[in-house]
Amino acid sequence: MSSSGDARPDPAGHDARDGGRNDGRDDGRDESPEERADRQWQDLVQEIRVAQTGVQILFGFLLSVAFTTEFRRLPQTDTTIYIVTVVLASLATGALIGPVAFHRLVWGRRIKPETVVWASRLTFIGILLLLATLTTALFLVLRVTTHNALVPWLVAGVLLWYLLCWFALPLWVRGRRRGRGAGRP
């Protein structure tokens, strides 16, 4: 205890005032590791719902394309791009559904903090695969519909936009937050 009567964190990062609930993180929340995992799981599930819905709709559409008469007339290059796109969509779908299966298989084992970590990793992989899927799908559609030499440049521009929105902006904000100190808004 300091002279002011405040408790100091112990070397493990636990604050005596919160019964060890702070877990060494100064994020302004008074929650146990289990409560934090529950909150993080709920946040993750909401994020997965958004990405999962989009990738499943895209995947379903891509699967149906192979059964059209126009598909049979595609040049081999476009057919290859299509196959790569379908495989990427399938992989993205698997990664984004993975956290649900993971949770179901370890449910009740009292390892939610570890489950959240693995589910978050699968979700991030799913987002990367979704990025690749959207990029190749756009490339294929623009190639087939326009036959324009600008297609790769347009796709590159859209890819840069995705990278900016999905990665650069959040990382920039996170870096600014860290630079200002975690305790200040």
C-alpha atoms as a PDB file:
ATOM      1  CA  MET A   1       0.000   0.000   0.000  1.00  0.00           C
ATOM      2  CA  SER A   2       1.174   3.477  -0.792  1.00  0.00           C
ATOM      3  CA  SER A   3       0.969   6.325   1.650  1.00  0.00           C
ATOM      4  CA  SER A   4      -2.256   7.481   0.017  1.00  0.00           C
ATOM      5  CA  GLY A   5      -3.940   4.180   0.856  1.00  0.00           C
ATOM      6  CA  ASP A   6      -4.103   2.967  -2.758  1.00  0.00           C
ATOM      7  CA  ALA A   7      -3.269  -0.626  -3.535  1.00  0.00           C
ATOM      8  CA  ARG A   8      -0.428  -1.242  -5.948  1.00  0.00           C
ATOM      9  CA  PRO A   9      -0.444  -3.983  -8.570  1.00  0.00           C
ATOM     10  CA  ASP A  10       1.494  -7.074  -7.597  1.00  0.00           C
ATOM     11  CA  PRO A  11       4.301  -8.327  -9.854  1.00  0.00           C
ATOM     12  CA  ALA A  12       1.842 -10.584 -11.686  1.00  0.00           C
ATOM     13  CA  GLY A  13      -0.173  -7.529 -12.678  1.00  0.00           C
ATOM     14  CA  HIS A  14      -3.094  -8.061 -10.341  1.00  0.00           C
ATOM     15  CA  ASP A  15      -4.486  -5.142  -8.417  1.00  0.00           C
ATOM     16  CA  ALA A  16      -5.336  -5.853  -4.790  1.00  0.00           C
ATOM     17  CA  ARG A  17      -8.416  -3.615  -5.027  1.00  0.00           C
ATOM     18  CA  ASP A  18     -10.055  -5.768  -7.676  1.00  0.00           C
ATOM     19  CA  GLY A  19      -9.254  -9.179  -6.265  1.00  0.00           C
ATOM     20  CA  GLY A  20      -6.903  -9.916  -9.165  1.00  0.00           C
ATOM     21  CA  ARG A  21      -9.515  -9.091 -11.771  1.00  0.00           C
ATOM     22  CA  ASN A  22      -7.506  -6.500 -13.701  1.00  0.00           C
ATOM     23  CA  ASP A  23      -5.027  -9.110 -14.971  1.00  0.00           C
ATOM     24  CA  GLY A  24      -2.355  -6.470 -15.628  1.00  0.00           C
ATOM     25  CA  ARG A  25      -4.263  -4.672 -18.372  1.00  0.00           C
ATOM     26  CA  ASP A  26      -5.124  -1.029 -18.013  1.00  0.00           C
ATOM     27  CA  ASP A  27      -8.033  -1.000 -20.445  1.00  0.00           C
ATOM     28  CA  GLY A  28     -10.474   0.721 -18.095  1.00  0.00           C
ATOM     29  CA  ARG A  29     -12.515  -2.418 -17.520  1.00  0.00           C
ATOM     30  CA  ASP A  30     -12.998  -4.214 -14.253  1.00  0.00           C
ATOM     31  CA  GLU A  31     -13.380  -7.772 -15.487  1.00  0.00           C
ATOM     32  CA  SER A  32     -11.854 -11.142 -14.807  1.00  0.00           C
ATOM     33  CA  PRO A  33     -10.049 -13.037 -17.579  1.00  0.00           C
ATOM     34  CA  GLU A  34     -13.183 -15.164 -17.978  1.00  0.00           C
ATOM     35  CA  GLU A  35     -15.431 -12.106 -18.231  1.00  0.00           C
ATOM     36  CA  ARG A  36     -13.037 -10.562 -20.749  1.00  0.00           C
ATOM     37  CA  ALA A  37     -13.088 -13.782 -22.797  1.00  0.00           C
ATOM     38  CA  ASP A  38     -16.911 -13.817 -22.739  1.00  0.00           C
ATOM     39  CA  ARG A  39     -17.022 -10.199 -23.939  1.00  0.00           C
ATOM     40  CA  GLN A  40     -14.371 -10.797 -26.587  1.00  0.00           C
ATOM     41  CA  TRP A  41     -16.179 -13.915 -27.777  1.00  0.00           C
ATOM     42  CA  GLN A  42     -19.402 -11.950 -28.245  1.00  0.00           C
ATOM     43  CA  ASP A  43     -17.533  -9.230 -30.150  1.00  0.00           C
ATOM     44  CA  LEU A  44     -15.880 -11.837 -32.347  1.00  0.00           C
ATOM     45  CA  VAL A  45     -19.159 -13.617 -33.075  1.00  0.00           C
ATOM     46  CA  GLN A  46     -20.689 -10.338 -34.285  1.00  0.00           C
ATOM     47  CA  GLU A  47     -17.698  -9.717 -36.558  1.00  0.00           C
ATOM     48  CA  ILE A  48     -17.841 -13.253 -37.932  1.00  0.00           C
ATOM     49  CA  ARG A  49     -21.553 -12.880 -38.740  1.00  0.00           C
ATOM     50  CA  VAL A  50     -20.838  -9.972 -41.049  1.00  0.00           C
ATOM     51  CA  ALA A  51     -17.899 -11.571 -42.872  1.00  0.00           C
ATOM     52  CA  GLN A  52     -19.459 -15.034 -42.949  1.00  0.00           C
ATOM     53  CA  THR A  53     -22.675 -13.852 -44.550  1.00  0.00           C
ATOM     54  CA  GLY A  54     -20.825 -12.025 -47.309  1.00  0.00           C
ATOM     55  CA  VAL A  55     -18.475 -14.876 -48.119  1.00  0.00           C
ATOM     56  CA  GLN A  56     -21.283 -17.447 -48.115  1.00  0.00           C
ATOM     57  CA  ILE A  57     -23.399 -15.393 -50.524  1.00  0.00           C
ATOM     58  CA  LEU A  58     -20.387 -14.877 -52.799  1.00  0.00           C
ATOM     59  CA  PHE A  59     -19.463 -18.577 -52.575  1.00  0.00           C
ATOM     60  CA  GLY A  60     -23.017 -19.640 -53.456  1.00  0.00           C
ATOM     61  CA  PHE A  61     -23.050 -17.321 -56.436  1.00  0.00           C
ATOM     62  CA  LEU A  62     -19.668 -18.573 -57.613  1.00  0.00           C
ATOM     63  CA  LEU A  63     -20.807 -22.187 -57.375  1.00  0.00           C
ATOM     64  CA  SER A  64     -23.838 -21.482 -59.540  1.00  0.00           C
ATOM     65  CA  VAL A  65     -21.764 -19.878 -62.326  1.00  0.00           C
ATOM     66  CA  ALA A  66     -20.267 -23.225 -63.358  1.00  0.00           C
ATOM     67  CA  PHE A  67     -23.715 -24.442 -64.390  1.00  0.00           C
ATOM     68  CA  THR A  68     -24.406 -21.677 -66.890  1.00  0.00           C
ATOM     69  CA  THR A  69     -24.012 -22.103 -70.630  1.00  0.00           C
ATOM     70  CA  GLU A  70     -21.676 -19.096 -70.832  1.00  0.00           C
ATOM     71  CA  PHE A  71     -19.253 -20.770 -68.439  1.00  0.00           C
ATOM     72  CA  ARG A  72     -18.493 -23.495 -70.976  1.00  0.00           C
ATOM     73  CA  ARG A  73     -17.341 -20.856 -73.443  1.00  0.00           C
ATOM     74  CA  LEU A  74     -14.780 -19.268 -71.113  1.00  0.00           C
ATOM     75  CA  PRO A  75     -11.162 -19.383 -72.237  1.00  0.00           C
ATOM     76  CA  GLN A  76      -8.870 -21.623 -70.171  1.00  0.00           C
ATOM     77  CA  THR A  77      -7.298 -18.610 -68.404  1.00  0.00           C
ATOM     78  CA  ASP A  78     -10.685 -17.402 -67.157  1.00  0.00           C
ATOM     79  CA  THR A  79     -11.669 -20.934 -66.145  1.00  0.00           C
ATOM     80  CA  THR A  80      -8.463 -21.176 -64.111  1.00  0.00           C
ATOM     81  CA  ILE A  81      -9.136 -17.815 -62.459  1.00  0.00           C
ATOM     82  CA  TYR A  82     -12.655 -19.047 -61.681  1.00  0.00           C
ATOM     83  CA  ILE A  83     -11.358 -22.261 -60.093  1.00  0.00           C
ATOM     84  CA  VAL A  84      -8.858 -20.318 -57.977  1.00  0.00           C
ATOM     85  CA  THR A  85     -11.637 -17.952 -56.892  1.00  0.00           C
ATOM     86  CA  VAL A  86     -13.967 -20.806 -55.909  1.00  0.00           C
ATOM     87  CA  VAL A  87     -11.212 -22.520 -53.926  1.00  0.00           C
ATOM     88  CA  LEU A  88     -10.372 -19.246 -52.152  1.00  0.00           C
ATOM     89  CA  ALA A  89     -14.057 -18.704 -51.328  1.00  0.00           C
ATOM     90  CA  SER A  90     -14.280 -22.236 -49.982  1.00  0.00           C
ATOM     91  CA  LEU A  91     -11.191 -21.718 -47.826  1.00  0.00           C
ATOM     92  CA  ALA A  92     -12.525 -18.383 -46.552  1.00  0.00           C
ATOM     93  CA  THR A  93     -15.858 -20.001 -45.705  1.00  0.00           C
ATOM     94  CA  GLY A  94     -14.053 -22.750 -43.798  1.00  0.00           C
ATOM     95  CA  ALA A  95     -11.918 -20.304 -41.842  1.00  0.00           C
ATOM     96  CA  LEU A  96     -14.895 -18.100 -40.967  1.00  0.00           C
ATOM     97  CA  ILE A  97     -17.036 -21.056 -39.867  1.00  0.00           C
ATOM     98  CA  GLY A  98     -14.043 -22.583 -38.062  1.00  0.00           C
ATOM     99  CA  PRO A  99     -14.522 -20.575 -34.847  1.00  0.00           C
ATOM    100  CA  VAL A 100     -18.056 -21.965 -34.496  1.00  0.00           C
ATOM    101  CA  ALA A 101     -16.849 -25.562 -34.826  1.00  0.00           C
ATOM    102  CA  PHE A 102     -13.898 -24.827 -32.548  1.00  0.00           C
ATOM    103  CA  HIS A 103     -16.189 -23.400 -29.871  1.00  0.00           C
ATOM    104  CA  ARG A 104     -18.599 -26.306 -30.191  1.00  0.00           C
ATOM    105  CA  LEU A 105     -15.834 -28.893 -29.758  1.00  0.00           C
ATOM    106  CA  VAL A 106     -14.237 -27.249 -26.709  1.00  0.00           C
ATOM    107  CA  TRP A 107     -17.421 -25.891 -25.132  1.00  0.00           C
ATOM    108  CA  GLY A 108     -17.676 -26.574 -21.423  1.00  0.00           C
ATOM    109  CA  ARG A 109     -13.946 -27.258 -21.029  1.00  0.00           C
ATOM    110  CA  ARG A 110     -13.269 -23.922 -19.295  1.00  0.00           C
ATOM    111  CA  ILE A 111     -10.803 -22.732 -21.912  1.00  0.00           C
ATOM    112  CA  LYS A 112     -12.707 -19.787 -23.349  1.00  0.00           C
ATOM    113  CA  PRO A 113      -9.723 -17.381 -23.254  1.00  0.00           C
ATOM    114  CA  GLU A 114      -7.738 -19.823 -25.423  1.00  0.00           C
ATOM    115  CA  THR A 115     -10.787 -20.432 -27.608  1.00  0.00           C
ATOM    116  CA  VAL A 116     -11.085 -16.687 -28.233  1.00  0.00           C
ATOM    117  CA  VAL A 117      -7.425 -16.508 -29.282  1.00  0.00           C
ATOM    118  CA  TRP A 118      -7.754 -19.385 -31.764  1.00  0.00           C
ATOM    119  CA  ALA A 119     -11.112 -18.177 -33.065  1.00  0.00           C
ATOM    120  CA  SER A 120      -9.628 -14.734 -33.605  1.00  0.00           C
ATOM    121  CA  ARG A 121      -6.751 -16.240 -35.576  1.00  0.00           C
ATOM    122  CA  LEU A 122      -9.137 -18.252 -37.744  1.00  0.00           C
ATOM    123  CA  THR A 123     -11.240 -15.137 -38.330  1.00  0.00           C
ATOM    124  CA  PHE A 124      -8.194 -13.131 -39.399  1.00  0.00           C
ATOM    125  CA  ILE A 125      -7.154 -15.908 -41.799  1.00  0.00           C
ATOM    126  CA  GLY A 126     -10.735 -15.926 -43.117  1.00  0.00           C
ATOM    127  CA  ILE A 127     -10.557 -12.179 -43.702  1.00  0.00           C
ATOM    128  CA  LEU A 128      -7.288 -12.562 -45.628  1.00  0.00           C
ATOM    129  CA  LEU A 129      -8.831 -15.334 -47.723  1.00  0.00           C
ATOM    130  CA  LEU A 130     -11.929 -13.197 -48.271  1.00  0.00           C
ATOM    131  CA  LEU A 131      -9.665 -10.391 -49.485  1.00  0.00           C
ATOM    132  CA  ALA A 132      -8.097 -12.783 -51.999  1.00  0.00           C
ATOM    133  CA  THR A 133     -11.526 -14.113 -53.019  1.00  0.00           C
ATOM    134  CA  LEU A 134     -12.989 -10.663 -53.629  1.00  0.00           C
ATOM    135  CA  THR A 135      -9.928  -9.603 -55.584  1.00  0.00           C
ATOM    136  CA  THR A 136      -9.916 -12.642 -57.871  1.00  0.00           C
ATOM    137  CA  ALA A 137     -13.696 -12.538 -58.306  1.00  0.00           C
ATOM    138  CA  LEU A 138     -13.534  -8.882 -59.334  1.00  0.00           C
ATOM    139  CA  PHE A 139     -10.654  -9.642 -61.686  1.00  0.00           C
ATOM    140  CA  LEU A 140     -12.606 -12.466 -63.313  1.00  0.00           C
ATOM    141  CA  VAL A 141     -15.835 -10.494 -63.702  1.00  0.00           C
ATOM    142  CA  LEU A 142     -14.089  -7.458 -65.150  1.00  0.00           C
ATOM    143  CA  ARG A 143     -12.012  -9.624 -67.538  1.00  0.00           C
ATOM    144  CA  VAL A 144     -15.063 -11.462 -68.820  1.00  0.00           C
ATOM    145  CA  THR A 145     -17.328  -8.427 -69.095  1.00  0.00           C
ATOM    146  CA  THR A 146     -14.952  -5.754 -70.408  1.00  0.00           C
ATOM    147  CA  HIS A 147     -11.946  -7.417 -72.086  1.00  0.00           C
ATOM    148  CA  ASN A 148     -10.161  -4.172 -71.216  1.00  0.00           C
ATOM    149  CA  ALA A 149      -6.425  -3.761 -70.607  1.00  0.00           C
ATOM    150  CA  LEU A 150      -7.239  -1.525 -67.645  1.00  0.00           C
ATOM    151  CA  VAL A 151      -8.746  -4.431 -65.666  1.00  0.00           C
ATOM    152  CA  PRO A 152      -5.579  -5.247 -63.698  1.00  0.00           C
ATOM    153  CA  TRP A 153      -5.191  -1.581 -62.789  1.00  0.00           C
ATOM    154  CA  LEU A 154      -8.811  -1.302 -61.667  1.00  0.00           C
ATOM    155  CA  VAL A 155      -8.483  -4.446 -59.567  1.00  0.00           C
ATOM    156  CA  ALA A 156      -5.220  -3.167 -58.081  1.00  0.00           C
ATOM    157  CA  GLY A 157      -6.974   0.075 -57.150  1.00  0.00           C
ATOM    158  CA  VAL A 158      -9.816  -1.813 -55.461  1.00  0.00           C
ATOM    159  CA  LEU A 159      -7.310  -4.063 -53.688  1.00  0.00           C
ATOM    160  CA  LEU A 160      -5.519  -0.970 -52.378  1.00  0.00           C
ATOM    161  CA  TRP A 161      -8.867   0.345 -51.168  1.00  0.00           C
ATOM    162  CA  TYR A 162      -9.539  -2.916 -49.299  1.00  0.00           C
ATOM    163  CA  LEU A 163      -6.066  -2.821 -47.775  1.00  0.00           C
ATOM    164  CA  LEU A 164      -6.577   0.775 -46.705  1.00  0.00           C
ATOM    165  CA  CYS A 165     -10.015   0.155 -45.151  1.00  0.00           C
ATOM    166  CA  TRP A 166      -9.338  -3.234 -43.622  1.00  0.00           C
ATOM    167  CA  PHE A 167      -5.734  -2.935 -42.467  1.00  0.00           C
ATOM    168  CA  ALA A 168      -3.975   0.416 -42.911  1.00  0.00           C
ATOM    169  CA  LEU A 169      -6.618   2.592 -41.267  1.00  0.00           C
ATOM    170  CA  PRO A 170      -7.129   0.357 -38.194  1.00  0.00           C
ATOM    171  CA  LEU A 171      -3.363  -0.064 -37.764  1.00  0.00           C
ATOM    172  CA  TRP A 172      -2.849   3.681 -38.104  1.00  0.00           C
ATOM    173  CA  VAL A 173      -5.496   4.383 -35.455  1.00  0.00           C
ATOM    174  CA  ARG A 174      -4.029   1.702 -33.197  1.00  0.00           C
ATOM    175  CA  GLY A 175      -0.559   3.231 -33.595  1.00  0.00           C
ATOM    176  CA  ARG A 176      -1.844   6.710 -32.800  1.00  0.00           C
ATOM    177  CA  ARG A 177      -3.621   5.377 -29.722  1.00  0.00           C
ATOM    178  CA  ARG A 178      -0.449   3.629 -28.533  1.00  0.00           C
ATOM    179  CA  GLY A 179       1.582   6.782 -29.184  1.00  0.00           C
ATOM    180  CA  ARG A 180      -0.728   8.885 -27.045  1.00  0.00           C
ATOM    181  CA  GLY A 181      -0.765   6.401 -24.199  1.00  0.00           C
ATOM    182  CA  ALA A 182      -3.420   3.797 -23.498  1.00  0.00           C
ATOM    183  CA  GLY A 183      -4.938   5.737 -20.643  1.00  0.00           C
ATOM    184  CA  ARG A 184      -5.987   8.801 -22.657  1.00  0.00           C
ATOM    185  CA  PRO A 185      -8.853   9.019 -25.160  1.00  0.00           C
END
